[in-house]
Amino acid sequence: EDGDTVTHSDKSLKRNLSFVWKAPDQPIGDI
């Protein structure tokens, strides 16, 4: 589904990254 995965968009060096994930509105259990 749209936006369920994140990947790099360039090959710049990375070390510390922050994201926000939104849980579905319906119960899905532990993740």
PDB file of all heavy atoms in Angstrom:
ATOM      1  N   GLU A   1       0.853  -1.183   0.000  1.00  0.00           N
ATOM      2  CA  GLU A   1       0.000   0.000   0.000  1.00  0.00           C
ATOM      3  C   GLU A   1       0.888   1.233   0.000  1.00  0.00           C
ATOM      4  O   GLU A   1       2.054   1.170   0.381  1.00  0.00           O
ATOM      5  CB  GLU A   1      -0.987  -0.002   1.167  1.00  0.00           C
ATOM      6  CG  GLU A   1      -0.370   0.131   2.539  1.00  0.00           C
ATOM      7  CD  GLU A   1      -1.423   0.202   3.623  1.00  0.00           C
ATOM      8  OE1 GLU A   1      -1.906   1.321   3.912  1.00  0.00           O
ATOM      9  OE2 GLU A   1      -1.753  -0.848   4.179  1.00  0.00           O
ATOM     10  N   ASP A   2       0.336   2.356  -0.421  1.00  0.00           N
ATOM     11  CA  ASP A   2       1.128   3.587  -0.554  1.00  0.00           C
ATOM     12  C   ASP A   2       1.888   3.916   0.723  1.00  0.00           C
ATOM     13  O   ASP A   2       1.286   3.982   1.802  1.00  0.00           O
ATOM     14  CB  ASP A   2       0.223   4.781  -0.895  1.00  0.00           C
ATOM     15  CG  ASP A   2      -0.290   4.730  -2.326  1.00  0.00           C
ATOM     16  OD1 ASP A   2       0.233   3.931  -3.127  1.00  0.00           O
ATOM     17  OD2 ASP A   2      -1.215   5.508  -2.631  1.00  0.00           O
ATOM     18  N   GLY A   3       3.208   4.115   0.590  1.00  0.00           N
ATOM     19  CA  GLY A   3       4.007   4.589   1.704  1.00  0.00           C
ATOM     20  C   GLY A   3       4.294   3.592   2.801  1.00  0.00           C
ATOM     21  O   GLY A   3       4.666   3.984   3.909  1.00  0.00           O
ATOM     22  N   ASP A   4       4.151   2.297   2.533  1.00  0.00           N
ATOM     23  CA  ASP A   4       4.388   1.304   3.588  1.00  0.00           C
ATOM     24  C   ASP A   4       5.864   0.953   3.775  1.00  0.00           C
ATOM     25  O   ASP A   4       6.234   0.262   4.720  1.00  0.00           O
ATOM     26  CB  ASP A   4       3.572   0.030   3.352  1.00  0.00           C
ATOM     27  CG  ASP A   4       3.915  -0.698   2.058  1.00  0.00           C
ATOM     28  OD1 ASP A   4       4.863  -0.302   1.347  1.00  0.00           O
ATOM     29  OD2 ASP A   4       3.207  -1.682   1.745  1.00  0.00           O
ATOM     30  N   THR A   5       6.725   1.461   2.906  1.00  0.00           N
ATOM     31  CA  THR A   5       8.150   1.151   2.945  1.00  0.00           C
ATOM     32  C   THR A   5       8.933   2.422   2.629  1.00  0.00           C
ATOM     33  O   THR A   5       8.472   3.258   1.856  1.00  0.00           O
ATOM     34  CB  THR A   5       8.477   0.056   1.905  1.00  0.00           C
ATOM     35  OG1 THR A   5       7.692  -1.110   2.207  1.00  0.00           O
ATOM     36  CG2 THR A   5       9.944  -0.322   1.897  1.00  0.00           C
ATOM     37  N   VAL A   6      10.123   2.560   3.224  1.00  0.00           N
ATOM     38  CA  VAL A   6      11.005   3.693   2.949  1.00  0.00           C
ATOM     39  C   VAL A   6      12.347   3.161   2.481  1.00  0.00           C
ATOM     40  O   VAL A   6      12.849   2.162   3.012  1.00  0.00           O
ATOM     41  CB  VAL A   6      11.225   4.575   4.203  1.00  0.00           C
ATOM     42  CG1 VAL A   6      12.048   5.814   3.846  1.00  0.00           C
ATOM     43  CG2 VAL A   6       9.917   4.967   4.844  1.00  0.00           C
ATOM     44  N   THR A   7      12.931   3.826   1.492  1.00  0.00           N
ATOM     45  CA  THR A   7      14.263   3.483   1.009  1.00  0.00           C
ATOM     46  C   THR A   7      15.057   4.768   0.786  1.00  0.00           C
ATOM     47  O   THR A   7      14.508   5.871   0.888  1.00  0.00           O
ATOM     48  CB  THR A   7      14.192   2.648  -0.292  1.00  0.00           C
ATOM     49  OG1 THR A   7      15.520   2.169  -0.609  1.00  0.00           O
ATOM     50  CG2 THR A   7      13.659   3.457  -1.461  1.00  0.00           C
ATOM     51  N   HIS A   8      16.340   4.616   0.502  1.00  0.00           N
ATOM     52  CA  HIS A   8      17.188   5.780   0.217  1.00  0.00           C
ATOM     53  C   HIS A   8      16.853   6.333  -1.166  1.00  0.00           C
ATOM     54  O   HIS A   8      16.400   5.604  -2.039  1.00  0.00           O
ATOM     55  CB  HIS A   8      18.671   5.399   0.293  1.00  0.00           C
ATOM     56  CG  HIS A   8      19.063   4.295  -0.625  1.00  0.00           C
ATOM     57  ND1 HIS A   8      18.703   2.975  -0.401  1.00  0.00           N
ATOM     58  CD2 HIS A   8      19.745   4.303  -1.787  1.00  0.00           C
ATOM     59  CE1 HIS A   8      19.177   2.224  -1.386  1.00  0.00           C
ATOM     60  NE2 HIS A   8      19.809   2.997  -2.245  1.00  0.00           N
ATOM     61  N   SER A   9      17.080   7.629  -1.354  1.00  0.00           N
ATOM     62  CA  SER A   9      16.837   8.230  -2.666  1.00  0.00           C
ATOM     63  C   SER A   9      18.139   8.707  -3.310  1.00  0.00           C
ATOM     64  O   SER A   9      18.135   9.173  -4.438  1.00  0.00           O
ATOM     65  CB  SER A   9      15.858   9.412  -2.549  1.00  0.00           C
ATOM     66  OG  SER A   9      16.396  10.421  -1.722  1.00  0.00           O
ATOM     67  N   ASP A  10      19.219   8.592  -2.571  1.00  0.00           N
ATOM     68  CA  ASP A  10      20.539   8.922  -3.117  1.00  0.00           C
ATOM     69  C   ASP A  10      21.574   8.093  -2.361  1.00  0.00           C
ATOM     70  O   ASP A  10      21.240   7.407  -1.399  1.00  0.00           O
ATOM     71  CB  ASP A  10      20.835  10.422  -3.008  1.00  0.00           C
ATOM     72  CG  ASP A  10      20.845  10.927  -1.575  1.00  0.00           C
ATOM     73  OD1 ASP A  10      21.369  10.229  -0.670  1.00  0.00           O
ATOM     74  OD2 ASP A  10      20.333  12.031  -1.341  1.00  0.00           O
ATOM     75  N   LYS A  11      22.807   8.147  -2.799  1.00  0.00           N
ATOM     76  CA  LYS A  11      23.822   7.334  -2.131  1.00  0.00           C
ATOM     77  C   LYS A  11      24.710   8.153  -1.195  1.00  0.00           C
ATOM     78  O   LYS A  11      25.820   7.773  -0.888  1.00  0.00           O
ATOM     79  CB  LYS A  11      24.646   6.542  -3.141  1.00  0.00           C
ATOM     80  CG  LYS A  11      25.333   7.350  -4.202  1.00  0.00           C
ATOM     81  CD  LYS A  11      26.035   6.419  -5.167  1.00  0.00           C
ATOM     82  CE  LYS A  11      26.705   7.245  -6.257  1.00  0.00           C
ATOM     83  NZ  LYS A  11      27.420   6.407  -7.197  1.00  0.00           N
ATOM     84  N   SER A  12      24.183   9.275  -0.701  1.00  0.00           N
ATOM     85  CA  SER A  12      24.919  10.035   0.296  1.00  0.00           C
ATOM     86  C   SER A  12      25.085   9.182   1.555  1.00  0.00           C
ATOM     87  O   SER A  12      24.268   8.303   1.835  1.00  0.00           O
ATOM     88  CB  SER A  12      24.179  11.333   0.634  1.00  0.00           C
ATOM     89  OG  SER A  12      22.945  11.036   1.244  1.00  0.00           O
ATOM     90  N   LEU A  13      26.139   9.442   2.303  1.00  0.00           N
ATOM     91  CA  LEU A  13      26.390   8.667   3.508  1.00  0.00           C
ATOM     92  C   LEU A  13      25.385   9.048   4.588  1.00  0.00           C
ATOM     93  O   LEU A  13      25.078  10.216   4.787  1.00  0.00           O
ATOM     94  CB  LEU A  13      27.820   8.896   3.985  1.00  0.00           C
ATOM     95  CG  LEU A  13      28.895   8.429   3.004  1.00  0.00           C
ATOM     96  CD1 LEU A  13      30.284   8.725   3.549  1.00  0.00           C
ATOM     97  CD2 LEU A  13      28.747   6.961   2.667  1.00  0.00           C
ATOM     98  N   LYS A  14      24.869   8.029   5.273  1.00  0.00           N
ATOM     99  CA  LYS A  14      23.848   8.210   6.299  1.00  0.00           C
ATOM    100  C   LYS A  14      24.337   7.590   7.600  1.00  0.00           C
ATOM    101  O   LYS A  14      25.124   6.660   7.589  1.00  0.00           O
ATOM    102  CB  LYS A  14      22.545   7.543   5.855  1.00  0.00           C
ATOM    103  CG  LYS A  14      21.969   8.152   4.590  1.00  0.00           C
ATOM    104  CD  LYS A  14      21.123   7.149   3.832  1.00  0.00           C
ATOM    105  CE  LYS A  14      20.660   7.660   2.497  1.00  0.00           C
ATOM    106  NZ  LYS A  14      21.716   7.917   1.533  1.00  0.00           N
ATOM    107  N   ARG A  15      23.837   8.100   8.718  1.00  0.00           N
ATOM    108  CA  ARG A  15      24.222   7.541  10.008  1.00  0.00           C
ATOM    109  C   ARG A  15      23.049   7.537  10.988  1.00  0.00           C
ATOM    110  O   ARG A  15      22.781   6.537  11.614  1.00  0.00           O
ATOM    111  CB  ARG A  15      25.393   8.316  10.594  1.00  0.00           C
ATOM    112  CG  ARG A  15      26.084   7.570  11.708  1.00  0.00           C
ATOM    113  CD  ARG A  15      27.339   8.265  12.124  1.00  0.00           C
ATOM    114  NE  ARG A  15      28.431   7.843  11.291  1.00  0.00           N
ATOM    115  CZ  ARG A  15      29.637   7.581  11.738  1.00  0.00           C
ATOM    116  NH1 ARG A  15      29.905   7.719  13.016  1.00  0.00           N
ATOM    117  NH2 ARG A  15      30.586   7.198  10.921  1.00  0.00           N
ATOM    118  N   ASN A  16      22.344   8.647  11.136  1.00  0.00           N
ATOM    119  CA  ASN A  16      21.219   8.765  12.065  1.00  0.00           C
ATOM    120  C   ASN A  16      20.005   9.298  11.315  1.00  0.00           C
ATOM    121  O   ASN A  16      20.070  10.365  10.726  1.00  0.00           O
ATOM    122  CB  ASN A  16      21.582   9.705  13.214  1.00  0.00           C
ATOM    123  CG  ASN A  16      22.763   9.182  14.005  1.00  0.00           C
ATOM    124  OD1 ASN A  16      22.786   8.034  14.406  1.00  0.00           O
ATOM    125  ND2 ASN A  16      23.752  10.040  14.206  1.00  0.00           N
ATOM    126  N   LEU A  17      18.917   8.536  11.347  1.00  0.00           N
ATOM    127  CA  LEU A  17      17.721   8.885  10.584  1.00  0.00           C
ATOM    128  C   LEU A  17      16.496   8.831  11.493  1.00  0.00           C
ATOM    129  O   LEU A  17      16.411   7.979  12.380  1.00  0.00           O
ATOM    130  CB  LEU A  17      17.530   7.921   9.414  1.00  0.00           C
ATOM    131  CG  LEU A  17      18.684   7.803   8.417  1.00  0.00           C
ATOM    132  CD1 LEU A  17      18.437   6.662   7.448  1.00  0.00           C
ATOM    133  CD2 LEU A  17      18.856   9.113   7.663  1.00  0.00           C
ATOM    134  N   SER A  18      15.535   9.714  11.232  1.00  0.00           N
ATOM    135  CA  SER A  18      14.282   9.733  11.998  1.00  0.00           C
ATOM    136  C   SER A  18      13.094   9.643  11.055  1.00  0.00           C
ATOM    137  O   SER A  18      13.066  10.306  10.015  1.00  0.00           O
ATOM    138  CB  SER A  18      14.181  11.020  12.818  1.00  0.00           C
ATOM    139  OG  SER A  18      15.209  11.066  13.773  1.00  0.00           O
ATOM    140  N   PHE A  19      12.111   8.852  11.449  1.00  0.00           N
ATOM    141  CA  PHE A  19      10.910   8.599  10.659  1.00  0.00           C
ATOM    142  C   PHE A  19       9.701   8.678  11.583  1.00  0.00           C
ATOM    143  O   PHE A  19       9.835   8.586  12.800  1.00  0.00           O
ATOM    144  CB  PHE A  19      10.937   7.190  10.055  1.00  0.00           C
ATOM    145  CG  PHE A  19      12.173   6.882   9.269  1.00  0.00           C
ATOM    146  CD1 PHE A  19      13.325   6.415   9.893  1.00  0.00           C
ATOM    147  CD2 PHE A  19      12.189   7.049   7.885  1.00  0.00           C
ATOM    148  CE1 PHE A  19      14.470   6.128   9.174  1.00  0.00           C
ATOM    149  CE2 PHE A  19      13.335   6.755   7.149  1.00  0.00           C
ATOM    150  CZ  PHE A  19      14.477   6.302   7.796  1.00  0.00           C
ATOM    151  N   VAL A  20       8.516   8.802  10.994  1.00  0.00           N
ATOM    152  CA  VAL A  20       7.269   8.642  11.752  1.00  0.00           C
ATOM    153  C   VAL A  20       6.408   7.657  10.977  1.00  0.00           C
ATOM    154  O   VAL A  20       6.152   7.837   9.780  1.00  0.00           O
ATOM    155  CB  VAL A  20       6.526   9.981  11.961  1.00  0.00           C
ATOM    156  CG1 VAL A  20       5.184   9.737  12.660  1.00  0.00           C
ATOM    157  CG2 VAL A  20       7.383  10.952  12.767  1.00  0.00           C
ATOM    158  N   TRP A  21       5.964   6.607  11.682  1.00  0.00           N
ATOM    159  CA  TRP A  21       5.115   5.560  11.115  1.00  0.00           C
ATOM    160  C   TRP A  21       3.710   5.722  11.680  1.00  0.00           C
ATOM    161  O   TRP A  21       3.545   5.995  12.868  1.00  0.00           O
ATOM    162  CB  TRP A  21       5.681   4.197  11.492  1.00  0.00           C
ATOM    163  CG  TRP A  21       4.850   3.030  11.096  1.00  0.00           C
ATOM    164  CD1 TRP A  21       4.792   2.438   9.864  1.00  0.00           C
ATOM    165  CD2 TRP A  21       3.983   2.260  11.946  1.00  0.00           C
ATOM    166  NE1 TRP A  21       3.931   1.372   9.900  1.00  0.00           N
ATOM    167  CE2 TRP A  21       3.418   1.234  11.161  1.00  0.00           C
ATOM    168  CE3 TRP A  21       3.623   2.356  13.290  1.00  0.00           C
ATOM    169  CZ2 TRP A  21       2.534   0.295  11.672  1.00  0.00           C
ATOM    170  CZ3 TRP A  21       2.731   1.425  13.802  1.00  0.00           C
ATOM    171  CH2 TRP A  21       2.190   0.419  12.991  1.00  0.00           C
ATOM    172  N   LYS A  22       2.707   5.591  10.815  1.00  0.00           N
ATOM    173  CA  LYS A  22       1.313   5.682  11.260  1.00  0.00           C
ATOM    174  C   LYS A  22       0.687   4.293  11.226  1.00  0.00           C
ATOM    175  O   LYS A  22       0.683   3.621  10.191  1.00  0.00           O
ATOM    176  CB  LYS A  22       0.516   6.631  10.374  1.00  0.00           C
ATOM    177  CG  LYS A  22      -0.923   6.819  10.863  1.00  0.00           C
ATOM    178  CD  LYS A  22      -1.700   7.767   9.978  1.00  0.00           C
ATOM    179  CE  LYS A  22      -3.109   7.989  10.467  1.00  0.00           C
ATOM    180  NZ  LYS A  22      -3.927   6.798  10.541  1.00  0.00           N
ATOM    181  N   ALA A  23       0.159   3.890  12.372  1.00  0.00           N
ATOM    182  CA  ALA A  23      -0.525   2.596  12.478  1.00  0.00           C
ATOM    183  C   ALA A  23      -1.855   2.658  11.735  1.00  0.00           C
ATOM    184  O   ALA A  23      -2.498   3.712  11.693  1.00  0.00           O
ATOM    185  CB  ALA A  23      -0.772   2.265  13.945  1.00  0.00           C
ATOM    186  N   PRO A  24      -2.279   1.549  11.169  1.00  0.00           N
ATOM    187  CA  PRO A  24      -3.613   1.521  10.553  1.00  0.00           C
ATOM    188  C   PRO A  24      -4.693   1.815  11.599  1.00  0.00           C
ATOM    189  O   PRO A  24      -4.483   1.604  12.792  1.00  0.00           O
ATOM    190  CB  PRO A  24      -3.750   0.078  10.042  1.00  0.00           C
ATOM    191  CG  PRO A  24      -2.356  -0.441   9.957  1.00  0.00           C
ATOM    192  CD  PRO A  24      -1.577   0.275  11.026  1.00  0.00           C
ATOM    193  N   ASP A  25      -5.826   2.308  11.143  1.00  0.00           N
ATOM    194  CA  ASP A  25      -6.929   2.624  12.058  1.00  0.00           C
ATOM    195  C   ASP A  25      -7.576   1.363  12.637  1.00  0.00           C
ATOM    196  O   ASP A  25      -8.166   1.417  13.714  1.00  0.00           O
ATOM    197  CB  ASP A  25      -7.982   3.473  11.344  1.00  0.00           C
ATOM    198  CG  ASP A  25      -7.455   4.865  11.019  1.00  0.00           C
ATOM    199  OD1 ASP A  25      -6.566   5.360  11.750  1.00  0.00           O
ATOM    200  OD2 ASP A  25      -7.909   5.452  10.019  1.00  0.00           O
ATOM    201  N   GLN A  26      -7.468   0.253  11.926  1.00  0.00           N
ATOM    202  CA  GLN A  26      -8.024  -1.005  12.432  1.00  0.00           C
ATOM    203  C   GLN A  26      -6.926  -1.786  13.159  1.00  0.00           C
ATOM    204  O   GLN A  26      -5.756  -1.636  12.851  1.00  0.00           O
ATOM    205  CB  GLN A  26      -8.625  -1.846  11.294  1.00  0.00           C
ATOM    206  CG  GLN A  26      -7.620  -2.500  10.365  1.00  0.00           C
ATOM    207  CD  GLN A  26      -7.025  -1.577   9.304  1.00  0.00           C
ATOM    208  OE1 GLN A  26      -7.271  -0.379   9.283  1.00  0.00           O
ATOM    209  NE2 GLN A  26      -6.205  -2.142   8.436  1.00  0.00           N
ATOM    210  N   PRO A  27      -7.287  -2.607  14.158  1.00  0.00           N
ATOM    211  CA  PRO A  27      -6.286  -3.370  14.906  1.00  0.00           C
ATOM    212  C   PRO A  27      -5.509  -4.333  13.998  1.00  0.00           C
ATOM    213  O   PRO A  27      -6.090  -4.994  13.141  1.00  0.00           O
ATOM    214  CB  PRO A  27      -7.118  -4.153  15.928  1.00  0.00           C
ATOM    215  CG  PRO A  27      -8.400  -3.411  16.039  1.00  0.00           C
ATOM    216  CD  PRO A  27      -8.643  -2.806  14.678  1.00  0.00           C
ATOM    217  N   ILE A  28      -4.198  -4.374  14.202  1.00  0.00           N
ATOM    218  CA  ILE A  28      -3.352  -5.317  13.437  1.00  0.00           C
ATOM    219  C   ILE A  28      -2.465  -6.151  14.344  1.00  0.00           C
ATOM    220  O   ILE A  28      -1.764  -7.042  13.888  1.00  0.00           O
ATOM    221  CB  ILE A  28      -2.467  -4.588  12.403  1.00  0.00           C
ATOM    222  CG1 ILE A  28      -1.563  -3.562  13.098  1.00  0.00           C
ATOM    223  CG2 ILE A  28      -3.320  -3.957  11.314  1.00  0.00           C
ATOM    224  CD1 ILE A  28      -0.447  -3.037  12.219  1.00  0.00           C
ATOM    225  N   GLY A  29      -2.455  -5.852  15.643  1.00  0.00           N
ATOM    226  CA  GLY A  29      -1.615  -6.601  16.572  1.00  0.00           C
ATOM    227  C   GLY A  29      -0.243  -5.967  16.748  1.00  0.00           C
ATOM    228  O   GLY A  29       0.023  -4.862  16.279  1.00  0.00           O
ATOM    229  N   ASP A  30       0.624  -6.696  17.433  1.00  0.00           N
ATOM    230  CA  ASP A  30       1.964  -6.205  17.726  1.00  0.00           C
ATOM    231  C   ASP A  30       2.779  -6.095  16.433  1.00  0.00           C
ATOM    232  O   ASP A  30       2.568  -6.859  15.486  1.00  0.00           O
ATOM    233  CB  ASP A  30       2.674  -7.152  18.693  1.00  0.00           C
ATOM    234  CG  ASP A  30       1.958  -7.275  20.035  1.00  0.00           C
ATOM    235  OD1 ASP A  30       1.032  -6.477  20.295  1.00  0.00           O
ATOM    236  OD2 ASP A  30       2.318  -8.174  20.810  1.00  0.00           O
ATOM    237  N   ILE A  31       3.724  -5.148  16.437  1.00  0.00           N
ATOM    238  CA  ILE A  31       4.563  -4.943  15.252  1.00  0.00           C
ATOM    239  C   ILE A  31       6.032  -4.841  15.664  1.00  0.00           C
ATOM    240  O   ILE A  31       6.353  -4.613  16.837  1.00  0.00           O
ATOM    241  CB  ILE A  31       4.152  -3.677  14.454  1.00  0.00           C
ATOM    242  CG1 ILE A  31       4.172  -2.408  15.319  1.00  0.00           C
ATOM    243  CG2 ILE A  31       2.789  -3.833  13.832  1.00  0.00           C
ATOM    244  CD1 ILE A  31       5.282  -1.490  14.931  1.00  0.00           C
TER     245      ILE A  31
END
